Amino acid sequence: MSKKILNIATSIKGDASFSNKLSNAILEKLKTEYNEIEVKTLDLSKTPLPYLSELDISAFYTPEENRTEAHKETLRQSDLATTELLEADIIVIGVPLYNFGIPAVLKGWIDQVARAGKTFSYDENGPKGLLTDKKVFLSIASGAIFSDGPYKSYDFSEPYLRTVLGFLGITDITTFRVEGTAIPDFAENALPKALNAVEEFAF
């Protein structure tokens, strides 16, 4: 069974990034689960999408036949990112926790792919997500521990991503975490523990 995978990296630390290392482990695990996979990596730390402008919003809501050349040009990167998302069967998202939330470049990507008529729609019952046949794996990295304990309520990354992805129709979401990387008693085992969780997970 062949699967198309969109691997989204967002950390500014590159190969040293814990979220990237965890994402890579997920990709390796997926290779053992499917006969063939095609991986498209989008490194937003190196090639971020432009943040939304007034022209972008105008272009989003202008019927295609009425769009100006300026509309078409401003939509070029958004159209490409949206197509990549639509074509993917599985999305792996590396998420370093920055100031209790997701990196700005990831929010920028979300703003460019959350598009009415493409990834969600409205009907008489309200909004409806159109991406209902996809799986998402989140690889979240943090210096502190946010999955449990006193800082759990400080984590706005996973709740936000589950909400916005659910709005787009994606509810099959699995989260892996490498956490406590800045805490002396936890740092040494943080990554091995996370990698072991991936290895033991029944995909």
N, C-alpha and C. Protein backbone atom coordinates (compact mmCIF):
# COMPACT_ATOMS: atom_id res chain seq x y z
N MET A 1 0.85 -1.19 0.00
CA MET A 1 0.00 0.00 0.00
C MET A 1 0.89 1.24 0.00
N SER A 2 0.73 2.09 -0.98
CA SER A 2 1.53 3.31 -1.09
C SER A 2 0.84 4.47 -0.38
N LYS A 3 1.63 5.27 0.32
CA LYS A 3 1.09 6.42 1.03
C LYS A 3 1.92 7.66 0.71
N LYS A 4 1.23 8.77 0.52
CA LYS A 4 1.91 10.05 0.36
C LYS A 4 1.96 10.75 1.71
N ILE A 5 3.17 11.14 2.09
CA ILE A 5 3.38 11.74 3.41
C ILE A 5 3.91 13.15 3.25
N LEU A 6 3.28 14.08 3.94
CA LEU A 6 3.76 15.45 4.00
C LEU A 6 4.43 15.65 5.35
N ASN A 7 5.73 15.87 5.33
CA ASN A 7 6.51 16.05 6.55
C ASN A 7 6.82 17.53 6.72
N ILE A 8 6.26 18.13 7.76
CA ILE A 8 6.40 19.57 7.98
C ILE A 8 7.36 19.81 9.14
N ALA A 9 8.48 20.46 8.86
CA ALA A 9 9.46 20.81 9.88
C ALA A 9 9.34 22.30 10.18
N THR A 10 9.46 22.65 11.45
CA THR A 10 9.30 24.06 11.82
C THR A 10 10.38 24.57 12.76
N SER A 11 11.26 23.70 13.22
CA SER A 11 12.27 24.11 14.20
C SER A 11 13.41 24.87 13.54
N ILE A 12 13.92 25.86 14.24
CA ILE A 12 15.06 26.63 13.74
C ILE A 12 16.38 25.92 14.02
N LYS A 13 16.34 24.77 14.70
CA LYS A 13 17.57 24.07 15.09
C LYS A 13 18.04 23.02 14.08
N GLY A 14 17.30 22.82 13.02
CA GLY A 14 17.73 21.89 11.98
C GLY A 14 17.95 20.47 12.47
N ASP A 15 19.10 19.86 12.14
CA ASP A 15 19.36 18.47 12.50
C ASP A 15 19.47 18.27 14.00
N ALA A 16 19.74 19.33 14.75
CA ALA A 16 19.85 19.22 16.21
C ALA A 16 18.49 19.28 16.90
N SER A 17 17.47 19.53 16.14
CA SER A 17 16.13 19.71 16.70
C SER A 17 15.55 18.40 17.22
N PHE A 18 15.03 18.43 18.43
CA PHE A 18 14.37 17.25 18.98
C PHE A 18 13.07 16.93 18.24
N SER A 19 12.33 17.96 17.84
CA SER A 19 11.08 17.70 17.11
C SER A 19 11.37 17.07 15.76
N ASN A 20 12.45 17.50 15.10
CA ASN A 20 12.82 16.89 13.82
C ASN A 20 13.28 15.45 14.01
N LYS A 21 14.05 15.19 15.06
CA LYS A 21 14.49 13.82 15.33
C LYS A 21 13.30 12.90 15.59
N LEU A 22 12.33 13.41 16.31
CA LEU A 22 11.14 12.62 16.60
C LEU A 22 10.32 12.39 15.33
N SER A 23 10.20 13.44 14.50
CA SER A 23 9.50 13.28 13.21
C SER A 23 10.20 12.24 12.34
N ASN A 24 11.52 12.27 12.32
CA ASN A 24 12.27 11.31 11.51
C ASN A 24 12.01 9.88 11.98
N ALA A 25 11.88 9.69 13.28
CA ALA A 25 11.57 8.36 13.82
C ALA A 25 10.18 7.91 13.37
N ILE A 26 9.24 8.85 13.35
CA ILE A 26 7.89 8.52 12.87
C ILE A 26 7.93 8.11 11.41
N LEU A 27 8.70 8.84 10.61
CA LEU A 27 8.82 8.51 9.19
C LEU A 27 9.44 7.13 9.00
N GLU A 28 10.46 6.81 9.77
CA GLU A 28 11.09 5.50 9.68
C GLU A 28 10.11 4.40 10.06
N LYS A 29 9.31 4.65 11.06
CA LYS A 29 8.29 3.68 11.47
C LYS A 29 7.25 3.49 10.37
N LEU A 30 6.86 4.58 9.74
CA LEU A 30 5.87 4.49 8.67
C LEU A 30 6.40 3.68 7.49
N LYS A 31 7.72 3.76 7.26
CA LYS A 31 8.32 2.99 6.17
C LYS A 31 8.16 1.49 6.39
N THR A 32 8.12 1.08 7.64
CA THR A 32 7.96 -0.35 7.94
C THR A 32 6.50 -0.78 7.91
N GLU A 33 5.60 0.20 7.94
CA GLU A 33 4.17 -0.11 7.98
C GLU A 33 3.54 -0.21 6.60
N TYR A 34 4.13 0.48 5.63
CA TYR A 34 3.53 0.52 4.29
C TYR A 34 4.55 0.05 3.25
N ASN A 35 4.06 -0.58 2.23
CA ASN A 35 4.94 -1.13 1.19
C ASN A 35 5.75 -0.03 0.51
N GLU A 36 5.12 1.11 0.36
CA GLU A 36 5.80 2.21 -0.34
C GLU A 36 5.28 3.53 0.20
N ILE A 37 6.21 4.46 0.46
CA ILE A 37 5.80 5.79 0.87
C ILE A 37 6.55 6.82 0.04
N GLU A 38 5.87 7.93 -0.19
CA GLU A 38 6.47 9.06 -0.90
C GLU A 38 6.44 10.25 0.06
N VAL A 39 7.62 10.70 0.46
CA VAL A 39 7.72 11.75 1.47
C VAL A 39 8.06 13.09 0.83
N LYS A 40 7.22 14.07 1.10
CA LYS A 40 7.48 15.45 0.70
C LYS A 40 7.77 16.23 1.97
N THR A 41 8.99 16.77 2.10
CA THR A 41 9.35 17.53 3.29
C THR A 41 9.25 19.02 3.01
N LEU A 42 8.53 19.70 3.88
CA LEU A 42 8.36 21.15 3.81
C LEU A 42 9.00 21.74 5.06
N ASP A 43 10.18 22.34 4.91
CA ASP A 43 10.89 22.92 6.05
C ASP A 43 10.55 24.40 6.13
N LEU A 44 9.59 24.71 6.97
CA LEU A 44 9.11 26.08 7.07
C LEU A 44 10.12 27.01 7.74
N SER A 45 11.10 26.45 8.45
CA SER A 45 12.13 27.29 9.05
C SER A 45 13.05 27.87 7.98
N LYS A 46 13.13 27.20 6.84
CA LYS A 46 13.97 27.67 5.75
C LYS A 46 13.17 28.36 4.65
N THR A 47 11.98 27.87 4.40
CA THR A 47 11.13 28.45 3.35
C THR A 47 9.73 28.71 3.91
N PRO A 48 9.60 29.72 4.78
CA PRO A 48 8.29 30.02 5.37
C PRO A 48 7.33 30.58 4.33
N LEU A 49 6.06 30.29 4.53
CA LEU A 49 5.05 30.91 3.68
C LEU A 49 4.82 32.35 4.15
N PRO A 50 4.45 33.23 3.24
CA PRO A 50 4.19 34.62 3.65
C PRO A 50 2.99 34.70 4.58
N TYR A 51 3.06 35.60 5.53
CA TYR A 51 1.92 35.81 6.41
C TYR A 51 0.80 36.48 5.62
N LEU A 52 -0.42 36.26 6.08
CA LEU A 52 -1.59 36.75 5.36
C LEU A 52 -1.57 38.27 5.20
N SER A 53 -2.00 38.70 4.02
CA SER A 53 -2.14 40.12 3.73
C SER A 53 -3.59 40.40 3.34
N GLU A 54 -3.91 41.66 3.23
CA GLU A 54 -5.26 42.04 2.78
C GLU A 54 -5.53 41.50 1.38
N LEU A 55 -4.49 41.50 0.53
CA LEU A 55 -4.65 40.98 -0.83
C LEU A 55 -4.93 39.49 -0.81
N ASP A 56 -4.28 38.75 0.09
CA ASP A 56 -4.54 37.31 0.21
C ASP A 56 -6.01 37.05 0.52
N ILE A 57 -6.51 37.75 1.53
CA ILE A 57 -7.90 37.54 1.94
C ILE A 57 -8.85 37.88 0.80
N SER A 58 -8.56 38.96 0.09
CA SER A 58 -9.38 39.34 -1.06
C SER A 58 -9.36 38.24 -2.11
N ALA A 59 -8.18 37.68 -2.36
CA ALA A 59 -8.05 36.63 -3.38
C ALA A 59 -8.78 35.36 -2.96
N PHE A 60 -8.69 35.00 -1.67
CA PHE A 60 -9.37 33.81 -1.19
C PHE A 60 -10.86 33.84 -1.50
N TYR A 61 -11.45 35.00 -1.32
CA TYR A 61 -12.91 35.10 -1.40
C TYR A 61 -13.40 35.70 -2.72
N THR A 62 -12.50 35.83 -3.69
CA THR A 62 -12.90 36.26 -5.03
C THR A 62 -13.05 35.02 -5.91
N PRO A 63 -14.19 34.84 -6.58
CA PRO A 63 -14.34 33.69 -7.48
C PRO A 63 -13.18 33.61 -8.46
N GLU A 64 -12.76 32.40 -8.76
CA GLU A 64 -11.56 32.19 -9.58
C GLU A 64 -11.62 32.96 -10.90
N GLU A 65 -12.78 32.97 -11.53
CA GLU A 65 -12.91 33.62 -12.83
C GLU A 65 -12.79 35.15 -12.75
N ASN A 66 -12.92 35.67 -11.54
CA ASN A 66 -12.86 37.13 -11.37
C ASN A 66 -11.53 37.62 -10.77
N ARG A 67 -10.61 36.71 -10.52
CA ARG A 67 -9.35 37.10 -9.89
C ARG A 67 -8.45 37.87 -10.84
N THR A 68 -7.81 38.88 -10.28
CA THR A 68 -6.86 39.68 -11.05
C THR A 68 -5.51 38.97 -11.10
N GLU A 69 -4.59 39.50 -11.89
CA GLU A 69 -3.24 38.94 -11.93
C GLU A 69 -2.58 39.05 -10.56
N ALA A 70 -2.86 40.13 -9.85
CA ALA A 70 -2.32 40.29 -8.51
C ALA A 70 -2.86 39.22 -7.56
N HIS A 71 -4.15 38.91 -7.70
CA HIS A 71 -4.74 37.83 -6.91
C HIS A 71 -4.04 36.51 -7.20
N LYS A 72 -3.88 36.23 -8.47
CA LYS A 72 -3.27 34.94 -8.86
C LYS A 72 -1.84 34.82 -8.35
N GLU A 73 -1.11 35.91 -8.39
CA GLU A 73 0.28 35.88 -7.94
C GLU A 73 0.36 35.69 -6.43
N THR A 74 -0.50 36.39 -5.69
CA THR A 74 -0.43 36.28 -4.23
C THR A 74 -0.88 34.91 -3.75
N LEU A 75 -1.70 34.22 -4.56
CA LEU A 75 -2.20 32.89 -4.19
C LEU A 75 -1.25 31.76 -4.57
N ARG A 76 -0.18 32.07 -5.27
CA ARG A 76 0.67 31.02 -5.83
C ARG A 76 1.19 30.07 -4.75
N GLN A 77 1.77 30.61 -3.69
CA GLN A 77 2.32 29.75 -2.64
C GLN A 77 1.22 29.08 -1.82
N SER A 78 0.13 29.79 -1.60
CA SER A 78 -0.99 29.20 -0.87
C SER A 78 -1.59 28.04 -1.65
N ASP A 79 -1.74 28.20 -2.95
CA ASP A 79 -2.28 27.12 -3.79
C ASP A 79 -1.39 25.89 -3.74
N LEU A 80 -0.08 26.11 -3.79
CA LEU A 80 0.86 25.00 -3.76
C LEU A 80 0.80 24.27 -2.42
N ALA A 81 0.79 25.04 -1.33
CA ALA A 81 0.74 24.43 0.00
C ALA A 81 -0.57 23.68 0.21
N THR A 82 -1.66 24.24 -0.29
CA THR A 82 -2.96 23.59 -0.15
C THR A 82 -3.00 22.30 -0.96
N THR A 83 -2.45 22.32 -2.17
CA THR A 83 -2.40 21.12 -2.99
C THR A 83 -1.58 20.03 -2.32
N GLU A 84 -0.44 20.39 -1.75
CA GLU A 84 0.39 19.42 -1.04
C GLU A 84 -0.38 18.78 0.11
N LEU A 85 -1.15 19.58 0.83
CA LEU A 85 -1.94 19.07 1.93
C LEU A 85 -3.06 18.15 1.43
N LEU A 86 -3.74 18.57 0.39
CA LEU A 86 -4.84 17.78 -0.15
C LEU A 86 -4.37 16.43 -0.68
N GLU A 87 -3.17 16.40 -1.24
CA GLU A 87 -2.66 15.16 -1.84
C GLU A 87 -2.09 14.19 -0.82
N ALA A 88 -1.79 14.67 0.38
CA ALA A 88 -1.16 13.82 1.39
C ALA A 88 -2.16 12.89 2.05
N ASP A 89 -1.72 11.66 2.30
CA ASP A 89 -2.51 10.72 3.09
C ASP A 89 -2.20 10.88 4.57
N ILE A 90 -0.94 11.17 4.87
CA ILE A 90 -0.46 11.29 6.24
C ILE A 90 0.36 12.57 6.35
N ILE A 91 0.15 13.31 7.43
CA ILE A 91 0.91 14.53 7.67
C ILE A 91 1.66 14.38 8.99
N VAL A 92 2.97 14.58 8.96
CA VAL A 92 3.80 14.57 10.16
C VAL A 92 4.24 16.00 10.41
N ILE A 93 3.95 16.51 11.59
CA ILE A 93 4.25 17.91 11.89
C ILE A 93 5.18 17.99 13.10
N GLY A 94 6.38 18.50 12.88
CA GLY A 94 7.32 18.74 13.98
C GLY A 94 7.01 20.06 14.64
N VAL A 95 6.84 20.04 15.96
CA VAL A 95 6.36 21.23 16.68
C VAL A 95 7.23 21.51 17.91
N PRO A 96 8.25 22.33 17.79
CA PRO A 96 8.93 22.79 19.00
C PRO A 96 8.02 23.78 19.72
N LEU A 97 7.99 23.66 21.03
CA LEU A 97 7.11 24.55 21.81
C LEU A 97 7.84 25.86 22.05
N TYR A 98 7.35 26.93 21.42
CA TYR A 98 7.94 28.26 21.59
C TYR A 98 6.98 29.13 22.40
N ASN A 99 7.42 29.51 23.59
CA ASN A 99 6.59 30.40 24.43
C ASN A 99 5.17 29.87 24.58
N PHE A 100 5.07 28.58 24.84
CA PHE A 100 3.82 27.88 25.14
C PHE A 100 2.95 27.62 23.91
N GLY A 101 3.42 27.98 22.72
CA GLY A 101 2.60 27.78 21.53
C GLY A 101 3.42 27.26 20.36
N ILE A 102 2.81 27.26 19.19
CA ILE A 102 3.47 26.75 18.00
C ILE A 102 4.35 27.83 17.38
N PRO A 103 5.36 27.45 16.59
CA PRO A 103 6.18 28.45 15.90
C PRO A 103 5.33 29.31 14.97
N ALA A 104 5.73 30.55 14.81
CA ALA A 104 4.99 31.48 13.94
C ALA A 104 4.91 30.97 12.51
N VAL A 105 5.97 30.28 12.06
CA VAL A 105 5.95 29.80 10.67
C VAL A 105 4.88 28.73 10.47
N LEU A 106 4.59 27.95 11.52
CA LEU A 106 3.53 26.94 11.40
C LEU A 106 2.17 27.60 11.37
N LYS A 107 2.00 28.64 12.18
CA LYS A 107 0.73 29.39 12.13
C LYS A 107 0.57 30.03 10.75
N GLY A 108 1.67 30.52 10.17
CA GLY A 108 1.61 31.10 8.83
C GLY A 108 1.17 30.08 7.81
N TRP A 109 1.67 28.85 7.92
CA TRP A 109 1.25 27.77 6.99
C TRP A 109 -0.23 27.46 7.16
N ILE A 110 -0.67 27.35 8.41
CA ILE A 110 -2.09 27.06 8.67
C ILE A 110 -2.98 28.13 8.05
N ASP A 111 -2.59 29.39 8.21
CA ASP A 111 -3.40 30.48 7.65
C ASP A 111 -3.48 30.41 6.13
N GLN A 112 -2.48 29.84 5.49
CA GLN A 112 -2.48 29.75 4.03
C GLN A 112 -3.23 28.53 3.51
N VAL A 113 -3.43 27.51 4.35
CA VAL A 113 -4.12 26.30 3.86
C VAL A 113 -5.54 26.17 4.41
N ALA A 114 -5.90 26.97 5.40
CA ALA A 114 -7.27 26.95 5.91
C ALA A 114 -8.12 27.84 5.01
N ARG A 115 -8.65 27.24 3.95
CA ARG A 115 -9.32 28.03 2.91
C ARG A 115 -10.72 27.51 2.63
N ALA A 116 -11.68 28.41 2.74
CA ALA A 116 -13.06 28.05 2.44
C ALA A 116 -13.18 27.59 1.00
N GLY A 117 -13.88 26.49 0.82
CA GLY A 117 -14.07 25.93 -0.52
C GLY A 117 -13.00 24.94 -0.92
N LYS A 118 -11.89 24.90 -0.17
CA LYS A 118 -10.81 23.97 -0.48
C LYS A 118 -10.57 22.98 0.67
N THR A 119 -10.37 23.49 1.86
CA THR A 119 -10.12 22.60 2.99
C THR A 119 -11.27 22.61 4.01
N PHE A 120 -12.18 23.54 3.88
CA PHE A 120 -13.42 23.52 4.65
C PHE A 120 -14.48 24.26 3.86
N SER A 121 -15.73 24.04 4.23
CA SER A 121 -16.83 24.71 3.54
C SER A 121 -17.89 25.09 4.56
N TYR A 122 -18.85 25.87 4.11
CA TYR A 122 -19.99 26.25 4.94
C TYR A 122 -21.26 25.76 4.28
N ASP A 123 -22.18 25.24 5.08
CA ASP A 123 -23.51 24.92 4.58
C ASP A 123 -24.53 25.36 5.63
N GLU A 124 -25.76 24.90 5.50
CA GLU A 124 -26.81 25.35 6.41
C GLU A 124 -26.55 24.94 7.86
N ASN A 125 -25.66 23.95 8.04
CA ASN A 125 -25.34 23.48 9.38
C ASN A 125 -24.07 24.11 9.95
N GLY A 126 -23.46 25.02 9.17
CA GLY A 126 -22.24 25.66 9.64
C GLY A 126 -21.01 25.14 8.91
N PRO A 127 -19.83 25.31 9.48
CA PRO A 127 -18.60 24.89 8.81
C PRO A 127 -18.46 23.38 8.77
N LYS A 128 -17.81 22.90 7.71
CA LYS A 128 -17.61 21.47 7.52
C LYS A 128 -16.19 21.24 7.01
N GLY A 129 -15.41 20.44 7.72
CA GLY A 129 -14.06 20.13 7.28
C GLY A 129 -14.08 19.20 6.08
N LEU A 130 -13.19 19.45 5.14
CA LEU A 130 -13.16 18.66 3.90
C LEU A 130 -12.00 17.66 3.87
N LEU A 131 -11.15 17.67 4.90
CA LEU A 131 -9.99 16.77 4.92
C LEU A 131 -10.27 15.61 5.87
N THR A 132 -11.17 14.75 5.47
CA THR A 132 -11.67 13.71 6.38
C THR A 132 -10.97 12.37 6.23
N ASP A 133 -10.05 12.25 5.31
CA ASP A 133 -9.44 10.95 5.04
C ASP A 133 -7.94 10.94 5.32
N LYS A 134 -7.51 11.74 6.30
CA LYS A 134 -6.08 11.90 6.54
C LYS A 134 -5.72 11.60 8.00
N LYS A 135 -4.47 11.21 8.20
CA LYS A 135 -3.93 11.00 9.54
C LYS A 135 -2.85 12.04 9.80
N VAL A 136 -2.77 12.49 11.04
CA VAL A 136 -1.73 13.44 11.43
C VAL A 136 -0.96 12.88 12.62
N PHE A 137 0.35 13.02 12.55
CA PHE A 137 1.21 12.72 13.69
C PHE A 137 1.92 14.01 14.10
N LEU A 138 1.77 14.37 15.36
CA LEU A 138 2.44 15.55 15.91
C LEU A 138 3.66 15.10 16.70
N SER A 139 4.80 15.68 16.41
CA SER A 139 6.00 15.41 17.21
C SER A 139 6.36 16.71 17.93
N ILE A 140 5.96 16.78 19.19
CA ILE A 140 6.09 18.01 19.97
C ILE A 140 7.30 17.91 20.89
N ALA A 141 8.14 18.93 20.86
CA ALA A 141 9.33 18.96 21.69
C ALA A 141 9.29 20.17 22.62
N SER A 142 9.69 19.94 23.86
CA SER A 142 9.67 21.05 24.82
C SER A 142 10.73 20.84 25.89
N GLY A 143 11.24 21.95 26.40
CA GLY A 143 12.24 21.90 27.45
C GLY A 143 11.65 21.47 28.78
N ALA A 144 10.41 21.86 29.03
CA ALA A 144 9.71 21.46 30.25
C ALA A 144 8.74 20.32 29.93
N ILE A 145 8.04 19.87 30.94
CA ILE A 145 7.06 18.80 30.76
C ILE A 145 5.66 19.40 30.76
N PHE A 146 4.97 19.21 29.65
CA PHE A 146 3.64 19.81 29.49
C PHE A 146 2.52 18.78 29.34
N SER A 147 2.86 17.51 29.19
CA SER A 147 1.83 16.50 29.00
C SER A 147 1.08 16.22 30.30
N ASP A 148 1.71 16.55 31.42
CA ASP A 148 1.12 16.31 32.74
C ASP A 148 1.76 17.25 33.74
N GLY A 149 1.14 17.38 34.88
CA GLY A 149 1.74 18.18 35.93
C GLY A 149 1.34 19.64 35.90
N PRO A 150 2.07 20.49 36.64
CA PRO A 150 1.65 21.88 36.84
C PRO A 150 1.68 22.74 35.59
N TYR A 151 2.44 22.32 34.55
CA TYR A 151 2.53 23.14 33.35
C TYR A 151 1.61 22.67 32.22
N LYS A 152 0.78 21.69 32.49
CA LYS A 152 -0.08 21.16 31.42
C LYS A 152 -0.97 22.24 30.81
N SER A 153 -1.50 23.11 31.67
CA SER A 153 -2.41 24.15 31.16
C SER A 153 -1.68 25.24 30.39
N TYR A 154 -0.33 25.22 30.42
CA TYR A 154 0.45 26.21 29.69
C TYR A 154 0.68 25.82 28.24
N ASP A 155 0.33 24.60 27.90
CA ASP A 155 0.58 24.11 26.53
C ASP A 155 -0.57 24.51 25.62
N PHE A 156 -0.31 25.44 24.72
CA PHE A 156 -1.32 25.86 23.75
C PHE A 156 -1.02 25.32 22.35
N SER A 157 -0.07 24.40 22.27
CA SER A 157 0.29 23.85 20.95
C SER A 157 -0.66 22.72 20.55
N GLU A 158 -0.69 21.66 21.34
CA GLU A 158 -1.53 20.52 20.97
C GLU A 158 -3.02 20.87 20.95
N PRO A 159 -3.56 21.56 21.97
CA PRO A 159 -4.98 21.90 21.90
C PRO A 159 -5.34 22.73 20.67
N TYR A 160 -4.48 23.70 20.35
CA TYR A 160 -4.75 24.53 19.17
C TYR A 160 -4.71 23.70 17.89
N LEU A 161 -3.67 22.87 17.74
CA LEU A 161 -3.54 22.08 16.51
C LEU A 161 -4.68 21.09 16.37
N ARG A 162 -5.08 20.46 17.45
CA ARG A 162 -6.22 19.54 17.37
C ARG A 162 -7.50 20.28 16.98
N THR A 163 -7.64 21.50 17.48
CA THR A 163 -8.84 22.28 17.15
C THR A 163 -8.86 22.69 15.70
N VAL A 164 -7.76 23.28 15.22
CA VAL A 164 -7.76 23.79 13.84
C VAL A 164 -7.75 22.65 12.84
N LEU A 165 -7.02 21.57 13.12
CA LEU A 165 -7.04 20.43 12.21
C LEU A 165 -8.41 19.76 12.21
N GLY A 166 -9.05 19.70 13.38
CA GLY A 166 -10.40 19.15 13.45
C GLY A 166 -11.39 19.99 12.66
N PHE A 167 -11.19 21.30 12.70
CA PHE A 167 -12.04 22.21 11.91
C PHE A 167 -11.92 21.89 10.42
N LEU A 168 -10.71 21.47 10.01
CA LEU A 168 -10.49 21.13 8.60
C LEU A 168 -10.91 19.69 8.29
N GLY A 169 -11.37 18.97 9.30
CA GLY A 169 -11.88 17.62 9.07
C GLY A 169 -10.94 16.51 9.51
N ILE A 170 -9.76 16.86 10.04
CA ILE A 170 -8.79 15.84 10.44
C ILE A 170 -8.94 15.59 11.94
N THR A 171 -9.43 14.41 12.27
CA THR A 171 -9.62 14.04 13.68
C THR A 171 -8.75 12.86 14.09
N ASP A 172 -8.14 12.18 13.12
CA ASP A 172 -7.24 11.06 13.42
C ASP A 172 -5.85 11.65 13.68
N ILE A 173 -5.61 12.03 14.93
CA ILE A 173 -4.38 12.73 15.31
C ILE A 173 -3.70 11.99 16.46
N THR A 174 -2.43 11.70 16.27
CA THR A 174 -1.63 11.04 17.31
C THR A 174 -0.48 11.96 17.70
N THR A 175 -0.27 12.13 18.99
CA THR A 175 0.79 13.01 19.47
C THR A 175 1.89 12.21 20.15
N PHE A 176 3.12 12.49 19.75
CA PHE A 176 4.30 11.99 20.45
C PHE A 176 5.04 13.20 21.00
N ARG A 177 5.65 13.03 22.17
CA ARG A 177 6.33 14.15 22.80
C ARG A 177 7.74 13.77 23.25
N VAL A 178 8.67 14.64 22.99
CA VAL A 178 9.98 14.58 23.64
C VAL A 178 10.03 15.81 24.53
N GLU A 179 9.97 15.58 25.84
CA GLU A 179 9.81 16.71 26.76
C GLU A 179 10.73 16.57 27.96
N GLY A 180 10.98 17.70 28.58
CA GLY A 180 11.89 17.73 29.71
C GLY A 180 13.34 17.82 29.28
N THR A 181 13.59 18.29 28.07
CA THR A 181 14.96 18.34 27.54
C THR A 181 15.81 19.39 28.24
N ALA A 182 15.18 20.29 28.98
CA ALA A 182 15.94 21.32 29.71
C ALA A 182 15.97 21.05 31.21
N ILE A 183 15.46 19.89 31.62
CA ILE A 183 15.42 19.54 33.04
C ILE A 183 16.49 18.47 33.31
N PRO A 184 17.45 18.76 34.17
CA PRO A 184 18.56 17.84 34.38
C PRO A 184 18.16 16.39 34.65
N ASP A 185 17.15 16.17 35.46
CA ASP A 185 16.76 14.81 35.82
C ASP A 185 16.04 14.08 34.69
N PHE A 186 15.61 14.80 33.67
CA PHE A 186 14.84 14.20 32.59
C PHE A 186 15.54 14.26 31.24
N ALA A 187 16.47 15.19 31.08
CA ALA A 187 17.02 15.47 29.76
C ALA A 187 17.66 14.26 29.09
N GLU A 188 18.43 13.48 29.84
CA GLU A 188 19.16 12.37 29.24
C GLU A 188 18.24 11.32 28.63
N ASN A 189 17.11 11.11 29.26
CA ASN A 189 16.20 10.07 28.79
C ASN A 189 15.05 10.60 27.95
N ALA A 190 14.99 11.91 27.75
CA ALA A 190 13.83 12.50 27.06
C ALA A 190 13.66 11.96 25.65
N LEU A 191 14.71 12.04 24.84
CA LEU A 191 14.61 11.56 23.46
C LEU A 191 14.47 10.05 23.38
N PRO A 192 15.28 9.25 24.09
CA PRO A 192 15.09 7.80 24.04
C PRO A 192 13.67 7.36 24.43
N LYS A 193 13.10 8.02 25.43
CA LYS A 193 11.73 7.69 25.84
C LYS A 193 10.74 7.97 24.72
N ALA A 194 10.92 9.10 24.04
CA ALA A 194 10.00 9.46 22.94
C ALA A 194 10.17 8.51 21.77
N LEU A 195 11.41 8.18 21.43
CA LEU A 195 11.66 7.26 20.32
C LEU A 195 11.09 5.88 20.61
N ASN A 196 11.17 5.46 21.86
CA ASN A 196 10.61 4.16 22.26
C ASN A 196 9.10 4.16 22.12
N ALA A 197 8.46 5.30 22.44
CA ALA A 197 7.00 5.40 22.29
C ALA A 197 6.59 5.23 20.84
N VAL A 198 7.39 5.80 19.93
CA VAL A 198 7.11 5.64 18.49
C VAL A 198 7.28 4.19 18.08
N GLU A 199 8.35 3.57 18.53
CA GLU A 199 8.64 2.19 18.15
C GLU A 199 7.55 1.23 18.63
N GLU A 200 7.00 1.51 19.79
CA GLU A 200 6.00 0.60 20.35
C GLU A 200 4.58 0.90 19.88
N PHE A 201 4.39 2.03 19.21
CA PHE A 201 3.05 2.42 18.79
C PHE A 201 2.55 1.51 17.66
N ALA A 202 1.30 1.10 17.77
CA ALA A 202 0.69 0.24 16.75
C ALA A 202 0.05 1.11 15.69
N PHE A 203 0.75 1.34 14.60
CA PHE A 203 0.24 2.17 13.52
C PHE A 203 -0.89 1.46 12.79
